[in-house]
Amino acid sequence: MEISLPVTLAVLGAALLHAAWNVLVKSGADKELETVNIAIGSGLIAFIAALFLPAPAPASWPWVAGSAVVHILYFVFLAGAYRWGELSYTYPVMRGGGPMLVALVGALVLGEVLPLGATLGLVLICAGIFAFASGRHDRRATAFALGNAVVIAAYTLIDGQGARLSAAPLSYTLWFFAANGVVIAIYGWLRRGRAVNAYFLGNWKRAITGGGCAVAAYGIALWAMTRAPIAIVAVLRETSVIFAAVIAAFVLHEKFTRRRLVATGAVLLGLIALKL
């Protein structure tokens, strides 16, 4: 499979939405409660929408369950990374490592061996993403971010296959988010008790906004994975680091350095190599 221009533009739009909800998490007063809050918001939105659509094929349900479990680690590592590090550092590390692992596993396990041009594009984009994260930072932020890169690769492969087996990528996405919302809410209540309820009641607009962005961003990505190689879609999603860096500069007042401008150029060259 190759990736078409409409699919490419859709995935880039998803990247912007993904960066937006991550900025919400980073700007939250309590990073752990904010991640749980947005997970609950996305779960509520997805559950309501899923009721109006046909259910995904039975073969995809084990993948839904597996992804929901893996996402516990995702939200734990996400909160830890944003607690100890800047968005413009931790976000690129988390998002940059995943696509390389996805491409490797995709080639070895799924038989999706990318052509030379696509491989070059993937390497350039990942190199640019890691360049965003250069410099000295808290080791705890680095550890959480690298751990999440592995988790991102795992759930990308799980959901890519699940969406293909579902015969209904949109329904698969919605039921995944509904299941994920329940799992993360239980985790949050076990960790923080009634603070989860209080935080949601006081920040429900952030939950719905961030949750809506998360559902739309991932839904577009899973739909794209049914029409293009998972590795290419995965790496295109990670161009969200550019959007995140720009938003962080204006909203969180983090620096957009010369090195990050060069990194942006590397990402753009990678997109050209992917024949965009």
Protein backbone atom coordinates (compact mmCIF):
# COMPACT_ATOMS: atom_id res chain seq x y z
CA MET A 1 0.00 0.00 0.00
CA GLU A 2 1.03 3.59 -0.63
CA ILE A 3 -0.22 6.74 1.05
CA SER A 4 -2.34 9.22 -0.93
CA LEU A 5 -2.40 13.00 -0.53
CA PRO A 6 -5.88 13.11 1.08
CA VAL A 7 -4.84 10.50 3.64
CA THR A 8 -1.61 12.40 4.28
CA LEU A 9 -3.44 15.68 4.91
CA ALA A 10 -5.90 13.93 7.22
CA VAL A 11 -3.05 12.45 9.29
CA LEU A 12 -1.33 15.85 9.52
CA GLY A 13 -4.60 17.29 10.81
CA ALA A 14 -4.70 14.50 13.38
CA ALA A 15 -1.16 15.44 14.41
CA LEU A 16 -2.30 18.99 15.17
CA LEU A 17 -5.20 17.69 17.28
CA HIS A 18 -2.86 15.37 19.16
CA ALA A 19 -0.48 18.20 19.98
CA ALA A 20 -3.40 20.33 21.18
CA TRP A 21 -4.63 17.87 23.82
CA ASN A 22 -1.08 17.23 25.03
CA VAL A 23 -0.67 20.96 25.61
CA LEU A 24 -3.82 20.80 27.74
CA VAL A 25 -2.27 18.04 29.87
CA LYS A 26 1.00 19.94 30.27
CA SER A 27 -0.79 23.16 31.23
CA GLY A 28 -2.96 21.42 33.83
CA ALA A 29 -2.41 22.13 37.53
CA ASP A 30 -2.13 18.39 38.34
CA LYS A 31 -0.64 16.34 35.49
CA GLU A 32 -1.91 12.98 36.74
CA LEU A 33 -5.47 14.18 37.32
CA GLU A 34 -5.43 16.03 33.99
CA THR A 35 -4.53 12.87 32.07
CA VAL A 36 -7.30 10.94 33.85
CA ASN A 37 -9.69 13.83 33.23
CA ILE A 38 -9.08 13.85 29.47
CA ALA A 39 -9.28 10.04 29.30
CA ILE A 40 -12.71 10.19 30.98
CA GLY A 41 -13.80 12.97 28.62
CA SER A 42 -12.74 11.02 25.55
CA GLY A 43 -14.45 7.90 26.90
CA LEU A 44 -17.76 9.69 27.39
CA ILE A 45 -17.67 11.23 23.91
CA ALA A 46 -16.73 7.92 22.30
CA PHE A 47 -19.37 5.89 24.16
CA ILE A 48 -22.20 8.23 23.16
CA ALA A 49 -21.08 8.27 19.52
CA ALA A 50 -20.53 4.49 19.41
CA LEU A 51 -24.18 3.83 20.29
CA PHE A 52 -25.20 5.17 16.89
CA LEU A 53 -22.83 2.99 14.85
CA PRO A 54 -22.61 -0.73 14.13
CA ALA A 55 -20.24 -2.66 16.38
CA PRO A 56 -16.81 -3.64 15.07
CA ALA A 57 -16.23 -7.23 13.98
CA PRO A 58 -15.85 -9.74 16.88
CA ALA A 59 -12.29 -10.54 15.79
CA SER A 60 -11.20 -7.03 16.79
CA TRP A 61 -12.50 -7.04 20.39
CA PRO A 62 -9.42 -8.75 21.91
CA TRP A 63 -7.35 -5.98 20.33
CA VAL A 64 -9.61 -3.36 21.92
CA ALA A 65 -9.08 -4.95 25.34
CA GLY A 66 -5.33 -5.28 24.85
CA SER A 67 -4.97 -1.67 23.78
CA ALA A 68 -6.99 -0.41 26.76
CA VAL A 69 -4.66 -2.27 29.13
CA VAL A 70 -1.51 -0.99 27.41
CA HIS A 71 -2.86 2.56 27.61
CA ILE A 72 -2.68 2.44 31.41
CA LEU A 73 1.10 2.61 31.05
CA TYR A 74 0.74 5.31 28.41
CA PHE A 75 -1.11 7.68 30.73
CA VAL A 76 1.16 6.86 33.71
CA PHE A 77 4.29 7.63 31.69
CA LEU A 78 2.70 10.68 30.09
CA ALA A 79 1.90 12.25 33.46
CA GLY A 80 5.40 11.46 34.75
CA ALA A 81 7.12 12.91 31.70
CA TYR A 82 5.14 16.17 31.89
CA ARG A 83 5.68 16.43 35.62
CA TRP A 84 9.46 16.42 35.32
CA GLY A 85 10.14 17.85 31.86
CA GLU A 86 9.11 20.51 29.36
CA LEU A 87 6.59 19.64 26.66
CA SER A 88 9.04 20.64 23.92
CA TYR A 89 11.51 18.04 25.24
CA THR A 90 9.43 15.10 26.46
CA TYR A 91 6.87 15.15 23.66
CA PRO A 92 9.45 14.66 20.85
CA VAL A 93 11.19 11.85 22.74
CA MET A 94 7.89 10.03 23.29
CA ARG A 95 6.65 10.52 19.76
CA GLY A 96 9.99 10.00 17.99
CA GLY A 97 10.93 6.59 19.31
CA GLY A 98 7.63 4.90 18.53
CA PRO A 99 7.70 5.08 14.70
CA MET A 100 11.16 3.53 14.45
CA LEU A 101 10.01 0.57 16.55
CA VAL A 102 6.75 0.35 14.58
CA ALA A 103 8.65 0.27 11.27
CA LEU A 104 10.98 -2.46 12.55
CA VAL A 105 8.21 -4.66 13.94
CA GLY A 106 6.02 -3.94 10.92
CA ALA A 107 8.74 -5.25 8.63
CA LEU A 108 9.61 -8.31 10.73
CA VAL A 109 6.14 -9.36 11.89
CA LEU A 110 3.58 -7.85 9.49
CA GLY A 111 5.67 -8.06 6.32
CA GLU A 112 5.33 -4.31 5.64
CA VAL A 113 8.82 -3.63 4.28
CA LEU A 114 9.00 0.01 3.23
CA PRO A 115 10.66 1.10 -0.02
CA LEU A 116 13.92 3.07 0.09
CA GLY A 117 12.28 6.50 -0.29
CA ALA A 118 9.81 5.86 2.52
CA THR A 119 12.56 4.48 4.74
CA LEU A 120 14.68 7.59 4.13
CA GLY A 121 11.69 9.78 4.91
CA LEU A 122 11.03 7.90 8.14
CA VAL A 123 14.67 8.24 9.26
CA LEU A 124 14.74 11.97 8.49
CA ILE A 125 11.50 12.63 10.34
CA CYS A 126 12.59 10.65 13.39
CA ALA A 127 16.01 12.36 13.38
CA GLY A 128 14.28 15.73 13.28
CA ILE A 129 11.97 14.71 16.10
CA PHE A 130 14.87 13.67 18.32
CA ALA A 131 16.71 16.89 17.45
CA PHE A 132 13.81 18.77 19.01
CA ALA A 133 14.63 17.04 22.28
CA SER A 134 18.36 17.82 22.41
CA GLY A 135 20.02 19.33 25.47
CA ARG A 136 20.24 18.59 29.19
CA HIS A 137 17.08 17.61 30.98
CA ASP A 138 15.86 15.88 34.13
CA ARG A 139 16.69 12.16 33.98
CA ARG A 140 13.25 11.30 35.32
CA ALA A 141 11.63 13.11 32.39
CA THR A 142 13.87 11.20 29.98
CA ALA A 143 13.08 7.84 31.59
CA PHE A 144 9.32 8.39 31.47
CA ALA A 145 9.50 9.68 27.88
CA LEU A 146 11.59 6.75 26.60
CA GLY A 147 9.31 4.29 28.36
CA ASN A 148 6.34 5.87 26.67
CA ALA A 149 8.02 5.61 23.27
CA VAL A 150 7.97 1.82 23.68
CA VAL A 151 4.34 1.91 24.85
CA ILE A 152 3.35 4.08 21.85
CA ALA A 153 4.94 1.59 19.46
CA ALA A 154 3.07 -1.26 21.18
CA TYR A 155 -0.40 0.29 21.05
CA THR A 156 0.13 1.59 17.51
CA LEU A 157 0.76 -1.94 16.26
CA ILE A 158 -2.10 -3.37 18.35
CA ASP A 159 -4.61 -0.80 17.13
CA GLY A 160 -3.41 -0.85 13.55
CA GLN A 161 -4.17 -4.56 13.37
CA GLY A 162 -7.35 -4.21 15.40
CA ALA A 163 -8.71 -1.52 13.10
CA ARG A 164 -8.02 -3.68 10.06
CA LEU A 165 -9.80 -6.67 11.59
CA SER A 166 -12.76 -4.59 12.74
CA ALA A 167 -14.10 -3.83 9.23
CA ALA A 168 -15.22 -0.55 10.84
CA PRO A 169 -12.27 1.62 11.93
CA LEU A 170 -14.48 4.38 13.33
CA SER A 171 -16.45 1.98 15.53
CA TYR A 172 -13.23 0.31 16.67
CA THR A 173 -11.80 3.70 17.66
CA LEU A 174 -14.89 4.73 19.60
CA TRP A 175 -15.17 1.47 21.54
CA PHE A 176 -11.46 1.57 22.28
CA PHE A 177 -11.79 5.05 23.80
CA ALA A 178 -14.88 4.01 25.75
CA ALA A 179 -13.03 1.01 27.19
CA ASN A 180 -9.93 3.09 27.79
CA GLY A 181 -11.96 5.73 29.64
CA VAL A 182 -13.34 3.09 32.03
CA VAL A 183 -9.92 1.51 32.63
CA ILE A 184 -8.17 4.84 33.26
CA ALA A 185 -11.01 6.09 35.47
CA ILE A 186 -10.69 2.98 37.66
CA TYR A 187 -6.93 3.46 37.79
CA GLY A 188 -7.40 7.12 38.73
CA TRP A 189 -9.90 6.32 41.50
CA LEU A 190 -7.57 3.70 42.94
CA ARG A 191 -4.74 6.22 42.91
CA ARG A 192 -6.47 9.46 43.90
CA GLY A 193 -9.97 8.57 45.10
CA ARG A 194 -12.57 11.34 45.16
CA ALA A 195 -10.05 13.84 43.81
CA VAL A 196 -10.82 12.43 40.35
CA ASN A 197 -14.51 13.32 40.69
CA ALA A 198 -13.77 16.78 42.05
CA TYR A 199 -11.26 17.51 39.31
CA PHE A 200 -13.66 16.41 36.58
CA LEU A 201 -16.51 18.54 37.95
CA GLY A 202 -14.24 21.57 38.10
CA ASN A 203 -12.58 20.96 34.72
CA TRP A 204 -15.20 19.17 32.63
CA LYS A 205 -14.82 21.64 29.75
CA ARG A 206 -11.11 20.75 29.49
CA ALA A 207 -12.06 17.06 29.65
CA ILE A 208 -14.51 17.38 26.75
CA THR A 209 -12.19 19.60 24.68
CA GLY A 210 -9.12 17.44 25.20
CA GLY A 211 -11.12 14.24 24.90
CA GLY A 212 -12.66 15.37 21.64
CA CYS A 213 -9.24 16.19 20.22
CA ALA A 214 -7.86 12.82 21.36
CA VAL A 215 -10.73 10.81 19.84
CA ALA A 216 -10.60 12.68 16.54
CA ALA A 217 -6.80 12.50 16.30
CA TYR A 218 -6.59 8.77 16.93
CA GLY A 219 -9.67 7.95 14.90
CA ILE A 220 -8.17 9.62 11.85
CA ALA A 221 -4.89 7.78 12.39
CA LEU A 222 -6.55 4.36 12.67
CA TRP A 223 -8.66 5.05 9.60
CA ALA A 224 -5.47 5.97 7.73
CA MET A 225 -3.81 2.72 8.86
CA THR A 226 -6.47 0.81 6.90
CA ARG A 227 -5.41 2.67 3.75
CA ALA A 228 -1.62 2.96 4.10
CA PRO A 229 1.28 1.13 5.81
CA ILE A 230 1.09 1.42 9.58
CA ALA A 231 4.73 2.61 9.81
CA ILE A 232 4.17 5.53 7.42
CA VAL A 233 1.00 6.64 9.21
CA ALA A 234 2.79 6.33 12.56
CA VAL A 235 5.68 8.53 11.51
CA LEU A 236 3.39 11.11 9.89
CA ARG A 237 1.50 11.40 13.17
CA GLU A 238 4.71 12.31 14.91
CA THR A 239 5.02 15.52 12.91
CA SER A 240 2.81 16.70 15.76
CA VAL A 241 6.07 17.63 17.51
CA ILE A 242 6.29 20.65 15.22
CA PHE A 243 2.78 21.74 16.16
CA ALA A 244 3.53 21.06 19.83
CA ALA A 245 6.73 23.12 19.76
CA VAL A 246 4.97 26.09 18.17
CA ILE A 247 2.00 25.89 20.56
CA ALA A 248 4.34 25.47 23.54
CA ALA A 249 6.28 28.58 22.50
CA PHE A 250 3.15 30.73 22.47
CA VAL A 251 1.05 29.12 25.21
CA LEU A 252 3.61 27.72 27.66
CA HIS A 253 6.38 30.23 26.80
CA GLU A 254 8.94 27.52 26.04
CA LYS A 255 11.82 28.45 23.74
CA PHE A 256 11.73 27.64 20.01
CA THR A 257 15.49 27.53 19.42
CA ARG A 258 17.61 27.56 16.26
CA ARG A 259 18.26 23.85 16.70
CA ARG A 260 14.52 23.23 16.65
CA LEU A 261 14.20 25.24 13.45
CA VAL A 262 16.79 22.93 11.86
CA ALA A 263 14.91 19.94 13.25
CA THR A 264 11.76 21.25 11.61
CA GLY A 265 13.62 21.33 8.30
CA ALA A 266 14.64 17.70 8.73
CA VAL A 267 11.03 16.72 9.35
CA LEU A 268 9.89 18.59 6.25
CA LEU A 269 12.59 16.89 4.14
CA GLY A 270 11.36 13.58 5.48
CA LEU A 271 7.83 14.42 4.37
CA ILE A 272 9.12 15.21 0.87
CA ALA A 273 10.95 11.86 0.83
CA LEU A 274 7.63 10.19 1.58
CA LYS A 275 6.42 11.70 -1.75
CA LEU A 276 4.03 14.18 -0.20
